[in-house]
Each structure stands twice: as C-alpha cells, then as structure tokens.
Amino acid sequence: MKKTKMTYHDIAKKAGVGIGTVSRYFNDYNISEEAKSKINKVLNETDYVPNFAASNIKKPSKDVYLILPYNNDETANMEIVNGVKSSLTADNINFFIFLSSSESEIYQKDLKYLTMRNPFGIVLLLPKHTSKDLILQIQDIKSTNLIVYNRNIEGVKSVNIDDKEMFKELALKIETDYKNEKVAFIGLNKEDITTGKYRSESFTENIKNNKVQNYLLKQNSFEDVEEIIHKIIKDYNPKIIVSATHTISMYVYGHLMENKIRNNFITTDIGRMGKSQYLTNSDINIFIDYFLIGYQIGNKLLNKEKKMENFFKII
C-alpha cells in the first residue's frame, strides 16, 4: 500500500477533531479514548507516515531511541545500551531506551509509534524470532536513521558479532592445544541462524585433528541440556565439551560439579567480560565486549564508524 503523507491539519479534518488534539496525540499528552480511536482509525486507513516538512507543529529532533525487546535472558543488553549512550553523549544527542516486546507483532506497533515521533535515529535490537512483516516494515522506513544489531537486513545499516569467525578461532585454538581427542559440541539447531547454524557449522568445519560430535538443541535452556548431557558423557565420553552459549555452559558446569567429574573434561564458555567467567570456571573462554559493540553502533549511526579490534577474544 502506498503511504500517505499528511499534515496535522489533514489528520484533524479526517478524524473530526481539533488540530490541538492531534498535536497532543503525537506529543504524548492525555486525550480522550474516543479522540485517540478516531486518530488511530485515520492513521491505519491511510498507512500514515509523518510529513514534518509540511507541518510546523513538530520539527525533527536530535532524539535517538533504542528499542529493546523484553527478554530476561539477555544479560548483555544493558552493556550494549551503555555503549550506545556513551557514543551519542559526545554529540549532545538525546538518548532514550524504549522497552518493547519479544513478540514481533507488538514490536511492530512500538516501532511505528517511535517512527511517528520523527527522531534522528532508532537503534533496533530485534526479537529473536523476527517476522517477515517486521523486516518489511523496517526496510520501508525512510524518515529516520536506522541501525540494527546483529541482524543483516538488506538496505539497513547494522553492527554484527561475527559468530562464524568466533567459533572458527575457537576450533583453531583447540586444534593447536589438543590432538586426537573426542569433542562434544552442544549448541542450538539450524533454525537459529546465528547462535545455532553459524556457530556449529563454523566450529565443525575447522576441526581436523580431533573428532567432533554435534548435539543440537531446540532451545537454549537448562531443560534441553539436561535431556542429553547423560547420554553425551556415557555414550560418547568426550574429552572436550564445547558449549555454544553461556546458558549451556552453566548447566554443563553444574552437572559436572554435582557428579564430581569436572576435572575429567576440558570445557568452554562464551559470555561477557568479568563475573560470567567465574560462574563456569571454564578452561577456554570466548569473551565478548558488548560495550564496545554498543559504542560502534552509536558511531555508525552518526556516520563516525571507526575501525575497531574484534568484539571478542579467546583466552
């Protein structure tokens, strides 16, 4: 559907409300539910996008919104947020965090609302399961600067963690340090593109001197690891256990400690710098600098992208 550009005067006339009511609607002031319903009806029927050039009521701002899907498992998000904030503060940009939903349909509505506010830019941390409609909506936004974290969308700027490179380097480190050992790789299945498909395939492709067996889970959960960890140890009996996520690593560590067999295995972990490494006491760690990722997101949004070191290191 072709989008319609209208001024606040046009919206007010179509909705049968005063122009002041339309202004209050877009500036988050309280208006009656009846008036709100009439304005929403006009916006939905016309697939409205703001025509701020034709309206003298609301001018483009220097605001940047970071839209964050609620997910209590994403402990790294606030480090990304702080990195973005640090980068933008130097340019006197107003920075706001908008907490959305992990459901694409609700996220779409929130994104439409933020776009209507005509900000300078929007940083998108997307839901794990992103619908095609949400992708199309993002590609159709031309009124503000967009940048997406860790997802490639055609025509949209992004900053990504290179999952393939991380697990290639992890494999090469294991190849250098160990020979002729059994390796159990516990990860997510190929339905999860980044933390699943990319990590497992890259790791397996770069193991030459050791034997690797993949155990791929449907979900990144303790319950899914619990279902297979006994089988892995009893039937395959690996020397090295590689965990594709921090959640998997934590359960593996707990299981090995509980059964007093931790010292029988070489283990790996992936996560943030700092405290997370002590939760699993792994022999090999991939550390991700999420603050640096956020800082680069801010730089790229301002067209000040700088060449930086890898966002990760293996120790």
C-alpha atoms as a PDB file:
ATOM      1  CA  MET A   1       0.000   0.000   0.000  1.00  0.00           C
ATOM      2  CA  LYS A   2       1.257   3.454  -0.889  1.00  0.00           C
ATOM      3  CA  LYS A   3       1.941   5.524   2.207  1.00  0.00           C
ATOM      4  CA  THR A   4       0.115   8.822   2.660  1.00  0.00           C
ATOM      5  CA  LYS A   5       1.865  11.982   3.783  1.00  0.00           C
ATOM      6  CA  MET A   6      -0.381  14.341   5.705  1.00  0.00           C
ATOM      7  CA  THR A   7      -0.071  17.348   7.966  1.00  0.00           C
ATOM      8  CA  TYR A   8      -1.679  17.540  11.380  1.00  0.00           C
ATOM      9  CA  HIS A   9      -4.386  19.708   9.743  1.00  0.00           C
ATOM     10  CA  ASP A  10      -5.222  16.860   7.340  1.00  0.00           C
ATOM     11  CA  ILE A  11      -5.411  14.321  10.145  1.00  0.00           C
ATOM     12  CA  ALA A  12      -7.588  16.583  12.282  1.00  0.00           C
ATOM     13  CA  LYS A  13     -10.024  17.139   9.408  1.00  0.00           C
ATOM     14  CA  LYS A  14     -10.340  13.430   8.566  1.00  0.00           C
ATOM     15  CA  ALA A  15     -10.702  12.407  12.233  1.00  0.00           C
ATOM     16  CA  GLY A  16     -13.166  15.184  13.063  1.00  0.00           C
ATOM     17  CA  VAL A  17     -11.073  16.505  15.964  1.00  0.00           C
ATOM     18  CA  GLY A  18      -9.198  19.735  16.644  1.00  0.00           C
ATOM     19  CA  ILE A  19      -5.629  20.227  15.468  1.00  0.00           C
ATOM     20  CA  GLY A  20      -4.577  20.721  19.109  1.00  0.00           C
ATOM     21  CA  THR A  21      -5.879  17.230  19.871  1.00  0.00           C
ATOM     22  CA  VAL A  22      -3.748  15.776  17.074  1.00  0.00           C
ATOM     23  CA  SER A  23      -0.711  17.638  18.414  1.00  0.00           C
ATOM     24  CA  ARG A  24      -1.318  16.275  21.914  1.00  0.00           C
ATOM     25  CA  TYR A  25      -1.695  12.771  20.455  1.00  0.00           C
ATOM     26  CA  PHE A  26       1.770  12.858  18.872  1.00  0.00           C
ATOM     27  CA  ASN A  27       3.392  14.529  21.864  1.00  0.00           C
ATOM     28  CA  ASP A  28       2.127  12.001  24.419  1.00  0.00           C
ATOM     29  CA  TYR A  29      -0.362  14.245  26.203  1.00  0.00           C
ATOM     30  CA  ASN A  30      -3.596  12.790  27.562  1.00  0.00           C
ATOM     31  CA  ILE A  31      -6.570  12.876  25.203  1.00  0.00           C
ATOM     32  CA  SER A  32      -9.882  11.053  25.385  1.00  0.00           C
ATOM     33  CA  GLU A  33     -10.092   7.440  24.268  1.00  0.00           C
ATOM     34  CA  GLU A  34     -12.719   8.497  21.707  1.00  0.00           C
ATOM     35  CA  ALA A  35     -10.385  11.054  20.125  1.00  0.00           C
ATOM     36  CA  LYS A  36      -7.479   8.605  20.223  1.00  0.00           C
ATOM     37  CA  SER A  37      -9.618   5.976  18.489  1.00  0.00           C
ATOM     38  CA  LYS A  38     -10.618   8.415  15.728  1.00  0.00           C
ATOM     39  CA  ILE A  39      -6.994   9.427  15.072  1.00  0.00           C
ATOM     40  CA  ASN A  40      -5.787   5.810  15.114  1.00  0.00           C
ATOM     41  CA  LYS A  41      -8.507   4.946  12.576  1.00  0.00           C
ATOM     42  CA  VAL A  42      -7.253   7.644  10.193  1.00  0.00           C
ATOM     43  CA  LEU A  43      -3.618   6.602  10.594  1.00  0.00           C
ATOM     44  CA  ASN A  44      -4.389   2.938   9.989  1.00  0.00           C
ATOM     45  CA  GLU A  45      -6.633   3.591   6.991  1.00  0.00           C
ATOM     46  CA  THR A  46      -4.076   5.829   5.284  1.00  0.00           C
ATOM     47  CA  ASP A  47      -0.956   3.919   6.364  1.00  0.00           C
ATOM     48  CA  TYR A  48       0.251   7.322   7.515  1.00  0.00           C
ATOM     49  CA  VAL A  49       3.861   8.477   7.713  1.00  0.00           C
ATOM     50  CA  PRO A  50       4.633  11.904   9.160  1.00  0.00           C
ATOM     51  CA  ASN A  51       5.115  14.745   6.690  1.00  0.00           C
ATOM     52  CA  PHE A  52       7.019  17.015   9.034  1.00  0.00           C
ATOM     53  CA  ALA A  53       8.278  19.195   6.215  1.00  0.00           C
ATOM     54  CA  ALA A  54       4.686  20.326   5.662  1.00  0.00           C
ATOM     55  CA  SER A  55       3.866  20.738   9.341  1.00  0.00           C
ATOM     56  CA  ASN A  56       5.174  23.482  11.588  1.00  0.00           C
ATOM     57  CA  ILE A  57       3.993  21.784  14.761  1.00  0.00           C
ATOM     58  CA  LYS A  58       6.669  19.128  15.352  1.00  0.00           C
ATOM     59  CA  LYS A  59      10.161  19.525  13.951  1.00  0.00           C
ATOM     60  CA  PRO A  60      12.750  16.733  13.547  1.00  0.00           C
ATOM     61  CA  SER A  61      14.527  16.154  16.831  1.00  0.00           C
ATOM     62  CA  LYS A  62      18.005  15.131  17.913  1.00  0.00           C
ATOM     63  CA  ASP A  63      16.485  12.179  19.754  1.00  0.00           C
ATOM     64  CA  VAL A  64      17.721   8.610  19.373  1.00  0.00           C
ATOM     65  CA  TYR A  65      15.642   5.677  20.607  1.00  0.00           C
ATOM     66  CA  LEU A  66      16.989   2.211  21.320  1.00  0.00           C
ATOM     67  CA  ILE A  67      14.123  -0.253  21.111  1.00  0.00           C
ATOM     68  CA  LEU A  68      14.714  -3.275  23.279  1.00  0.00           C
ATOM     69  CA  PRO A  69      12.608  -6.477  23.212  1.00  0.00           C
ATOM     70  CA  TYR A  70      11.915  -7.725  26.727  1.00  0.00           C
ATOM     71  CA  ASN A  71      13.895 -10.896  27.348  1.00  0.00           C
ATOM     72  CA  ASN A  72      15.072 -11.722  30.851  1.00  0.00           C
ATOM     73  CA  ASP A  73      17.794 -13.999  29.453  1.00  0.00           C
ATOM     74  CA  GLU A  74      19.607 -11.189  27.613  1.00  0.00           C
ATOM     75  CA  THR A  75      22.023 -10.055  30.322  1.00  0.00           C
ATOM     76  CA  ALA A  76      24.317  -8.391  27.769  1.00  0.00           C
ATOM     77  CA  ASN A  77      21.749  -5.873  26.547  1.00  0.00           C
ATOM     78  CA  MET A  78      22.482  -3.191  29.142  1.00  0.00           C
ATOM     79  CA  GLU A  79      26.178  -3.206  28.243  1.00  0.00           C
ATOM     80  CA  ILE A  80      25.189  -2.558  24.611  1.00  0.00           C
ATOM     81  CA  VAL A  81      22.848   0.209  25.783  1.00  0.00           C
ATOM     82  CA  ASN A  82      25.634   1.843  27.813  1.00  0.00           C
ATOM     83  CA  GLY A  83      27.996   1.671  24.853  1.00  0.00           C
ATOM     84  CA  VAL A  84      25.467   3.358  22.540  1.00  0.00           C
ATOM     85  CA  LYS A  85      24.775   6.025  25.169  1.00  0.00           C
ATOM     86  CA  SER A  86      28.476   6.733  25.643  1.00  0.00           C
ATOM     87  CA  SER A  87      28.991   7.227  21.907  1.00  0.00           C
ATOM     88  CA  LEU A  88      25.977   9.518  21.443  1.00  0.00           C
ATOM     89  CA  THR A  89      26.529  11.672  24.522  1.00  0.00           C
ATOM     90  CA  ALA A  90      29.612  13.287  22.985  1.00  0.00           C
ATOM     91  CA  ASP A  91      27.412  14.732  20.216  1.00  0.00           C
ATOM     92  CA  ASN A  92      24.692  16.054  22.546  1.00  0.00           C
ATOM     93  CA  ILE A  93      22.140  13.560  21.239  1.00  0.00           C
ATOM     94  CA  ASN A  94      19.130  12.861  23.451  1.00  0.00           C
ATOM     95  CA  PHE A  95      19.150   9.106  24.112  1.00  0.00           C
ATOM     96  CA  PHE A  96      16.116   7.089  25.210  1.00  0.00           C
ATOM     97  CA  ILE A  97      15.533   3.374  25.861  1.00  0.00           C
ATOM     98  CA  PHE A  98      12.156   2.015  24.747  1.00  0.00           C
ATOM     99  CA  LEU A  99      11.239  -1.376  26.236  1.00  0.00           C
ATOM    100  CA  SER A 100       9.153  -3.346  23.767  1.00  0.00           C
ATOM    101  CA  SER A 101       8.060  -6.978  23.457  1.00  0.00           C
ATOM    102  CA  SER A 102       9.766 -10.133  22.237  1.00  0.00           C
ATOM    103  CA  GLU A 103       6.671 -10.691  20.031  1.00  0.00           C
ATOM    104  CA  SER A 104       7.089  -9.282  16.530  1.00  0.00           C
ATOM    105  CA  GLU A 105       3.513  -8.005  16.231  1.00  0.00           C
ATOM    106  CA  ILE A 106       3.766  -5.826  19.352  1.00  0.00           C
ATOM    107  CA  TYR A 107       7.304  -4.752  18.418  1.00  0.00           C
ATOM    108  CA  GLN A 108       5.963  -3.555  15.037  1.00  0.00           C
ATOM    109  CA  LYS A 109       3.402  -1.301  16.699  1.00  0.00           C
ATOM    110  CA  ASP A 110       6.026   0.184  19.010  1.00  0.00           C
ATOM    111  CA  LEU A 111       8.378   0.795  16.092  1.00  0.00           C
ATOM    112  CA  LYS A 112       5.617   2.567  14.157  1.00  0.00           C
ATOM    113  CA  TYR A 113       4.940   4.768  17.182  1.00  0.00           C
ATOM    114  CA  LEU A 114       8.609   5.719  17.551  1.00  0.00           C
ATOM    115  CA  THR A 115       8.932   6.453  13.833  1.00  0.00           C
ATOM    116  CA  MET A 116       5.994   8.858  14.094  1.00  0.00           C
ATOM    117  CA  ARG A 117       7.951  10.877  16.649  1.00  0.00           C
ATOM    118  CA  ASN A 118      10.410  11.736  13.879  1.00  0.00           C
ATOM    119  CA  PRO A 119      13.626  11.045  15.822  1.00  0.00           C
ATOM    120  CA  PHE A 120      17.126  11.470  14.469  1.00  0.00           C
ATOM    121  CA  GLY A 121      17.650   7.719  14.706  1.00  0.00           C
ATOM    122  CA  ILE A 122      16.415   4.371  16.034  1.00  0.00           C
ATOM    123  CA  VAL A 123      18.661   1.514  17.196  1.00  0.00           C
ATOM    124  CA  LEU A 124      16.947  -1.844  16.758  1.00  0.00           C
ATOM    125  CA  LEU A 125      17.668  -4.825  18.986  1.00  0.00           C
ATOM    126  CA  LEU A 126      15.249  -7.229  17.358  1.00  0.00           C
ATOM    127  CA  PRO A 127      13.148 -10.061  18.808  1.00  0.00           C
ATOM    128  CA  LYS A 128      14.854 -13.432  18.491  1.00  0.00           C
ATOM    129  CA  HIS A 129      12.082 -14.659  16.181  1.00  0.00           C
ATOM    130  CA  THR A 130      11.579 -11.747  13.785  1.00  0.00           C
ATOM    131  CA  SER A 131       8.607 -11.953  11.409  1.00  0.00           C
ATOM    132  CA  LYS A 132       8.798 -11.174   7.683  1.00  0.00           C
ATOM    133  CA  ASP A 133       6.286  -8.354   8.226  1.00  0.00           C
ATOM    134  CA  LEU A 134       8.620  -6.709  10.738  1.00  0.00           C
ATOM    135  CA  ILE A 135      11.545  -6.986   8.304  1.00  0.00           C
ATOM    136  CA  LEU A 136       9.475  -5.379   5.546  1.00  0.00           C
ATOM    137  CA  GLN A 137       8.361  -2.607   7.907  1.00  0.00           C
ATOM    138  CA  ILE A 138      11.984  -1.848   8.803  1.00  0.00           C
ATOM    139  CA  GLN A 139      13.028  -1.757   5.134  1.00  0.00           C
ATOM    140  CA  ASP A 140      10.183   0.644   4.370  1.00  0.00           C
ATOM    141  CA  ILE A 141      11.217   3.257   6.954  1.00  0.00           C
ATOM    142  CA  LYS A 142      12.890   6.206   5.216  1.00  0.00           C
ATOM    143  CA  SER A 143      12.052   9.077   7.584  1.00  0.00           C
ATOM    144  CA  THR A 144      14.750   8.353  10.181  1.00  0.00           C
ATOM    145  CA  ASN A 145      18.203   6.771  10.501  1.00  0.00           C
ATOM    146  CA  LEU A 146      18.072   3.091  11.413  1.00  0.00           C
ATOM    147  CA  ILE A 147      20.742   0.704  12.616  1.00  0.00           C
ATOM    148  CA  VAL A 148      20.205  -2.948  13.510  1.00  0.00           C
ATOM    149  CA  TYR A 149      22.240  -5.003  15.975  1.00  0.00           C
ATOM    150  CA  ASN A 150      23.387  -8.484  14.950  1.00  0.00           C
ATOM    151  CA  ARG A 151      20.992  -8.980  12.044  1.00  0.00           C
ATOM    152  CA  ASN A 152      21.565  -8.382   8.327  1.00  0.00           C
ATOM    153  CA  ILE A 153      18.616  -6.665   6.647  1.00  0.00           C
ATOM    154  CA  GLU A 154      19.034  -5.514   3.054  1.00  0.00           C
ATOM    155  CA  GLY A 155      19.264  -1.739   2.794  1.00  0.00           C
ATOM    156  CA  VAL A 156      19.657  -1.171   6.552  1.00  0.00           C
ATOM    157  CA  LYS A 157      22.884  -0.408   8.450  1.00  0.00           C
ATOM    158  CA  SER A 158      23.982  -2.987  11.013  1.00  0.00           C
ATOM    159  CA  VAL A 159      26.702  -3.877  13.515  1.00  0.00           C
ATOM    160  CA  ASN A 160      27.217  -7.603  13.932  1.00  0.00           C
ATOM    161  CA  ILE A 161      29.091 -10.115  16.030  1.00  0.00           C
ATOM    162  CA  ASP A 162      30.898 -12.464  13.647  1.00  0.00           C
ATOM    163  CA  ASP A 163      29.715 -15.820  15.003  1.00  0.00           C
ATOM    164  CA  LYS A 164      31.475 -17.734  12.250  1.00  0.00           C
ATOM    165  CA  GLU A 165      34.836 -16.118  12.992  1.00  0.00           C
ATOM    166  CA  MET A 166      34.465 -16.608  16.767  1.00  0.00           C
ATOM    167  CA  PHE A 167      33.890 -20.325  16.503  1.00  0.00           C
ATOM    168  CA  LYS A 168      36.480 -20.744  13.781  1.00  0.00           C
ATOM    169  CA  GLU A 169      39.078 -19.246  16.140  1.00  0.00           C
ATOM    170  CA  LEU A 170      37.805 -21.424  18.998  1.00  0.00           C
ATOM    171  CA  ALA A 171      38.207 -24.504  16.809  1.00  0.00           C
ATOM    172  CA  LEU A 172      41.722 -23.457  15.768  1.00  0.00           C
ATOM    173  CA  LYS A 173      42.742 -22.968  19.408  1.00  0.00           C
ATOM    174  CA  ILE A 174      41.507 -26.460  20.279  1.00  0.00           C
ATOM    175  CA  GLU A 175      43.294 -27.844  17.211  1.00  0.00           C
ATOM    176  CA  THR A 176      46.537 -26.209  18.370  1.00  0.00           C
ATOM    177  CA  ASP A 177      46.297 -27.313  22.010  1.00  0.00           C
ATOM    178  CA  TYR A 178      44.867 -30.836  21.591  1.00  0.00           C
ATOM    179  CA  LYS A 179      45.248 -33.777  19.216  1.00  0.00           C
ATOM    180  CA  ASN A 180      43.187 -36.929  18.655  1.00  0.00           C
ATOM    181  CA  GLU A 181      40.590 -36.108  21.303  1.00  0.00           C
ATOM    182  CA  LYS A 182      36.819 -36.522  21.230  1.00  0.00           C
ATOM    183  CA  VAL A 183      34.960 -33.216  21.184  1.00  0.00           C
ATOM    184  CA  ALA A 184      31.262 -32.835  22.041  1.00  0.00           C
ATOM    185  CA  PHE A 185      29.748 -29.628  20.615  1.00  0.00           C
ATOM    186  CA  ILE A 186      26.500 -28.667  22.361  1.00  0.00           C
ATOM    187  CA  GLY A 187      24.622 -25.917  20.540  1.00  0.00           C
ATOM    188  CA  LEU A 188      21.326 -24.873  19.003  1.00  0.00           C
ATOM    189  CA  ASN A 189      19.830 -26.348  15.861  1.00  0.00           C
ATOM    190  CA  LYS A 190      19.902 -24.678  12.450  1.00  0.00           C
ATOM    191  CA  GLU A 191      16.576 -22.910  12.953  1.00  0.00           C
ATOM    192  CA  ASP A 192      18.591 -20.417  14.997  1.00  0.00           C
ATOM    193  CA  ILE A 193      20.785 -18.888  12.298  1.00  0.00           C
ATOM    194  CA  THR A 194      23.469 -17.083  14.327  1.00  0.00           C
ATOM    195  CA  THR A 195      23.925 -18.881  17.656  1.00  0.00           C
ATOM    196  CA  GLY A 196      22.820 -22.138  16.027  1.00  0.00           C
ATOM    197  CA  LYS A 197      23.744 -22.710  12.382  1.00  0.00           C
ATOM    198  CA  TYR A 198      26.725 -20.350  12.093  1.00  0.00           C
ATOM    199  CA  ARG A 199      28.433 -21.438  15.313  1.00  0.00           C
ATOM    200  CA  SER A 200      28.039 -25.199  14.864  1.00  0.00           C
ATOM    201  CA  GLU A 201      28.984 -25.267  11.170  1.00  0.00           C
ATOM    202  CA  SER A 202      31.991 -22.976  11.561  1.00  0.00           C
ATOM    203  CA  PHE A 203      33.345 -24.950  14.517  1.00  0.00           C
ATOM    204  CA  THR A 204      32.874 -28.342  12.841  1.00  0.00           C
ATOM    205  CA  GLU A 205      34.410 -27.224   9.530  1.00  0.00           C
ATOM    206  CA  ASN A 206      37.617 -26.142  11.287  1.00  0.00           C
ATOM    207  CA  ILE A 207      38.201 -29.270  13.393  1.00  0.00           C
ATOM    208  CA  LYS A 208      40.713 -31.507  11.614  1.00  0.00           C
ATOM    209  CA  ASN A 209      42.928 -33.146  14.259  1.00  0.00           C
ATOM    210  CA  ASN A 210      40.149 -34.098  16.658  1.00  0.00           C
ATOM    211  CA  LYS A 211      36.837 -35.910  16.302  1.00  0.00           C
ATOM    212  CA  VAL A 212      33.727 -33.770  16.876  1.00  0.00           C
ATOM    213  CA  GLN A 213      30.157 -34.872  17.535  1.00  0.00           C
ATOM    214  CA  ASN A 214      27.351 -32.279  17.390  1.00  0.00           C
ATOM    215  CA  TYR A 215      24.445 -32.251  19.840  1.00  0.00           C
ATOM    216  CA  LEU A 216      21.971 -29.602  18.717  1.00  0.00           C
ATOM    217  CA  LEU A 217      19.113 -28.407  20.922  1.00  0.00           C
ATOM    218  CA  LYS A 218      15.742 -26.891  20.073  1.00  0.00           C
ATOM    219  CA  GLN A 219      16.019 -24.238  22.778  1.00  0.00           C
ATOM    220  CA  ASN A 220      18.742 -22.537  24.760  1.00  0.00           C
ATOM    221  CA  SER A 221      17.568 -23.886  28.112  1.00  0.00           C
ATOM    222  CA  PHE A 222      18.757 -25.929  31.089  1.00  0.00           C
ATOM    223  CA  GLU A 223      15.981 -28.446  30.435  1.00  0.00           C
ATOM    224  CA  ASP A 224      17.189 -29.205  26.906  1.00  0.00           C
ATOM    225  CA  VAL A 225      20.787 -29.684  28.084  1.00  0.00           C
ATOM    226  CA  GLU A 226      19.625 -31.892  30.941  1.00  0.00           C
ATOM    227  CA  GLU A 227      17.942 -34.260  28.478  1.00  0.00           C
ATOM    228  CA  ILE A 228      21.179 -35.099  26.647  1.00  0.00           C
ATOM    229  CA  ILE A 229      24.130 -34.485  28.981  1.00  0.00           C
ATOM    230  CA  HIS A 230      23.980 -38.004  30.495  1.00  0.00           C
ATOM    231  CA  LYS A 231      23.960 -39.556  27.014  1.00  0.00           C
ATOM    232  CA  ILE A 232      26.889 -37.418  25.876  1.00  0.00           C
ATOM    233  CA  ILE A 233      29.080 -38.436  28.806  1.00  0.00           C
ATOM    234  CA  LYS A 234      28.044 -42.080  28.977  1.00  0.00           C
ATOM    235  CA  ASP A 235      27.820 -42.989  25.284  1.00  0.00           C
ATOM    236  CA  TYR A 236      30.299 -40.632  23.617  1.00  0.00           C
ATOM    237  CA  ASN A 237      32.659 -39.972  26.538  1.00  0.00           C
ATOM    238  CA  PRO A 238      34.354 -36.829  25.129  1.00  0.00           C
ATOM    239  CA  LYS A 239      37.490 -35.219  26.499  1.00  0.00           C
ATOM    240  CA  ILE A 240      36.389 -31.718  25.424  1.00  0.00           C
ATOM    241  CA  ILE A 241      32.888 -30.244  25.842  1.00  0.00           C
ATOM    242  CA  VAL A 242      32.236 -27.108  23.767  1.00  0.00           C
ATOM    243  CA  SER A 243      29.196 -25.024  24.739  1.00  0.00           C
ATOM    244  CA  ALA A 244      27.768 -22.702  22.075  1.00  0.00           C
ATOM    245  CA  THR A 245      26.041 -20.454  24.643  1.00  0.00           C
ATOM    246  CA  HIS A 246      26.657 -19.309  28.200  1.00  0.00           C
ATOM    247  CA  THR A 247      23.389 -20.954  29.331  1.00  0.00           C
ATOM    248  CA  ILE A 248      24.571 -24.333  28.028  1.00  0.00           C
ATOM    249  CA  SER A 249      27.967 -23.879  29.663  1.00  0.00           C
ATOM    250  CA  MET A 250      26.422 -23.086  33.053  1.00  0.00           C
ATOM    251  CA  TYR A 251      24.349 -26.266  33.050  1.00  0.00           C
ATOM    252  CA  VAL A 252      27.279 -28.404  31.871  1.00  0.00           C
ATOM    253  CA  TYR A 253      29.426 -26.986  34.685  1.00  0.00           C
ATOM    254  CA  GLY A 254      26.723 -27.621  37.286  1.00  0.00           C
ATOM    255  CA  HIS A 255      26.243 -31.187  36.120  1.00  0.00           C
ATOM    256  CA  LEU A 256      29.957 -31.984  36.133  1.00  0.00           C
ATOM    257  CA  MET A 257      30.436 -30.468  39.591  1.00  0.00           C
ATOM    258  CA  GLU A 258      27.418 -32.252  41.039  1.00  0.00           C
ATOM    259  CA  ASN A 259      28.741 -35.586  39.811  1.00  0.00           C
ATOM    260  CA  LYS A 260      32.311 -34.767  40.913  1.00  0.00           C
ATOM    261  CA  ILE A 261      33.739 -35.293  37.421  1.00  0.00           C
ATOM    262  CA  ARG A 262      34.605 -31.701  36.467  1.00  0.00           C
ATOM    263  CA  ASN A 263      38.352 -32.414  36.308  1.00  0.00           C
ATOM    264  CA  ASN A 264      37.807 -35.166  33.734  1.00  0.00           C
ATOM    265  CA  PHE A 265      36.897 -32.690  30.996  1.00  0.00           C
ATOM    266  CA  ILE A 266      38.115 -29.621  29.123  1.00  0.00           C
ATOM    267  CA  THR A 267      35.212 -27.147  28.900  1.00  0.00           C
ATOM    268  CA  THR A 268      34.483 -23.892  27.072  1.00  0.00           C
ATOM    269  CA  ASP A 269      32.242 -20.898  27.708  1.00  0.00           C
ATOM    270  CA  ILE A 270      31.114 -17.763  25.879  1.00  0.00           C
ATOM    271  CA  GLY A 271      29.920 -14.567  27.510  1.00  0.00           C
ATOM    272  CA  ARG A 272      30.684 -11.145  28.910  1.00  0.00           C
ATOM    273  CA  MET A 273      33.941  -9.977  30.381  1.00  0.00           C
ATOM    274  CA  GLY A 274      34.009 -10.127  34.169  1.00  0.00           C
ATOM    275  CA  LYS A 275      31.849 -12.128  36.534  1.00  0.00           C
ATOM    276  CA  SER A 276      30.342 -14.518  33.983  1.00  0.00           C
ATOM    277  CA  GLN A 277      33.657 -16.325  33.555  1.00  0.00           C
ATOM    278  CA  TYR A 278      33.692 -17.343  37.215  1.00  0.00           C
ATOM    279  CA  LEU A 279      30.252 -18.952  37.001  1.00  0.00           C
ATOM    280  CA  THR A 280      31.560 -21.833  34.891  1.00  0.00           C
ATOM    281  CA  ASN A 281      35.310 -21.799  35.585  1.00  0.00           C
ATOM    282  CA  SER A 282      35.889 -22.994  32.022  1.00  0.00           C
ATOM    283  CA  ASP A 283      39.281 -23.886  30.573  1.00  0.00           C
ATOM    284  CA  ILE A 284      38.733 -21.885  27.361  1.00  0.00           C
ATOM    285  CA  ASN A 285      36.624 -18.718  27.213  1.00  0.00           C
ATOM    286  CA  ILE A 286      35.254 -16.542  24.429  1.00  0.00           C
ATOM    287  CA  PHE A 287      34.811 -13.060  25.900  1.00  0.00           C
ATOM    288  CA  ILE A 288      32.512 -10.622  24.069  1.00  0.00           C
ATOM    289  CA  ASP A 289      32.876  -6.890  24.681  1.00  0.00           C
ATOM    290  CA  TYR A 290      29.236  -5.797  24.436  1.00  0.00           C
ATOM    291  CA  PHE A 291      30.043  -2.227  25.497  1.00  0.00           C
ATOM    292  CA  LEU A 292      32.381  -1.903  22.502  1.00  0.00           C
ATOM    293  CA  ILE A 293      29.624  -3.235  20.247  1.00  0.00           C
ATOM    294  CA  GLY A 294      27.237  -0.575  21.558  1.00  0.00           C
ATOM    295  CA  TYR A 295      29.858   2.129  21.103  1.00  0.00           C
ATOM    296  CA  GLN A 296      30.335   1.122  17.482  1.00  0.00           C
ATOM    297  CA  ILE A 297      26.561   1.128  16.926  1.00  0.00           C
ATOM    298  CA  GLY A 298      26.445   4.746  18.098  1.00  0.00           C
ATOM    299  CA  ASN A 299      29.392   5.686  15.894  1.00  0.00           C
ATOM    300  CA  LYS A 300      27.819   4.105  12.825  1.00  0.00           C
ATOM    301  CA  LEU A 301      24.505   5.854  13.461  1.00  0.00           C
ATOM    302  CA  LEU A 302      26.381   9.177  13.470  1.00  0.00           C
ATOM    303  CA  ASN A 303      28.412   8.164  10.384  1.00  0.00           C
ATOM    304  CA  LYS A 304      31.588   8.179  12.500  1.00  0.00           C
ATOM    305  CA  GLU A 305      32.298   4.474  12.242  1.00  0.00           C
ATOM    306  CA  LYS A 306      35.849   3.637  13.241  1.00  0.00           C
ATOM    307  CA  LYS A 307      37.852   0.526  12.558  1.00  0.00           C
ATOM    308  CA  MET A 308      37.994  -1.350  15.841  1.00  0.00           C
ATOM    309  CA  GLU A 309      39.551  -4.533  17.126  1.00  0.00           C
ATOM    310  CA  ASN A 310      37.430  -7.675  17.228  1.00  0.00           C
ATOM    311  CA  PHE A 311      34.479  -7.512  19.581  1.00  0.00           C
ATOM    312  CA  PHE A 312      35.704 -10.791  21.107  1.00  0.00           C
ATOM    313  CA  LYS A 313      38.830 -12.510  22.374  1.00  0.00           C
ATOM    314  CA  ILE A 314      39.609 -16.138  23.205  1.00  0.00           C
ATOM    315  CA  ILE A 315      41.560 -16.929  26.340  1.00  0.00           C
END
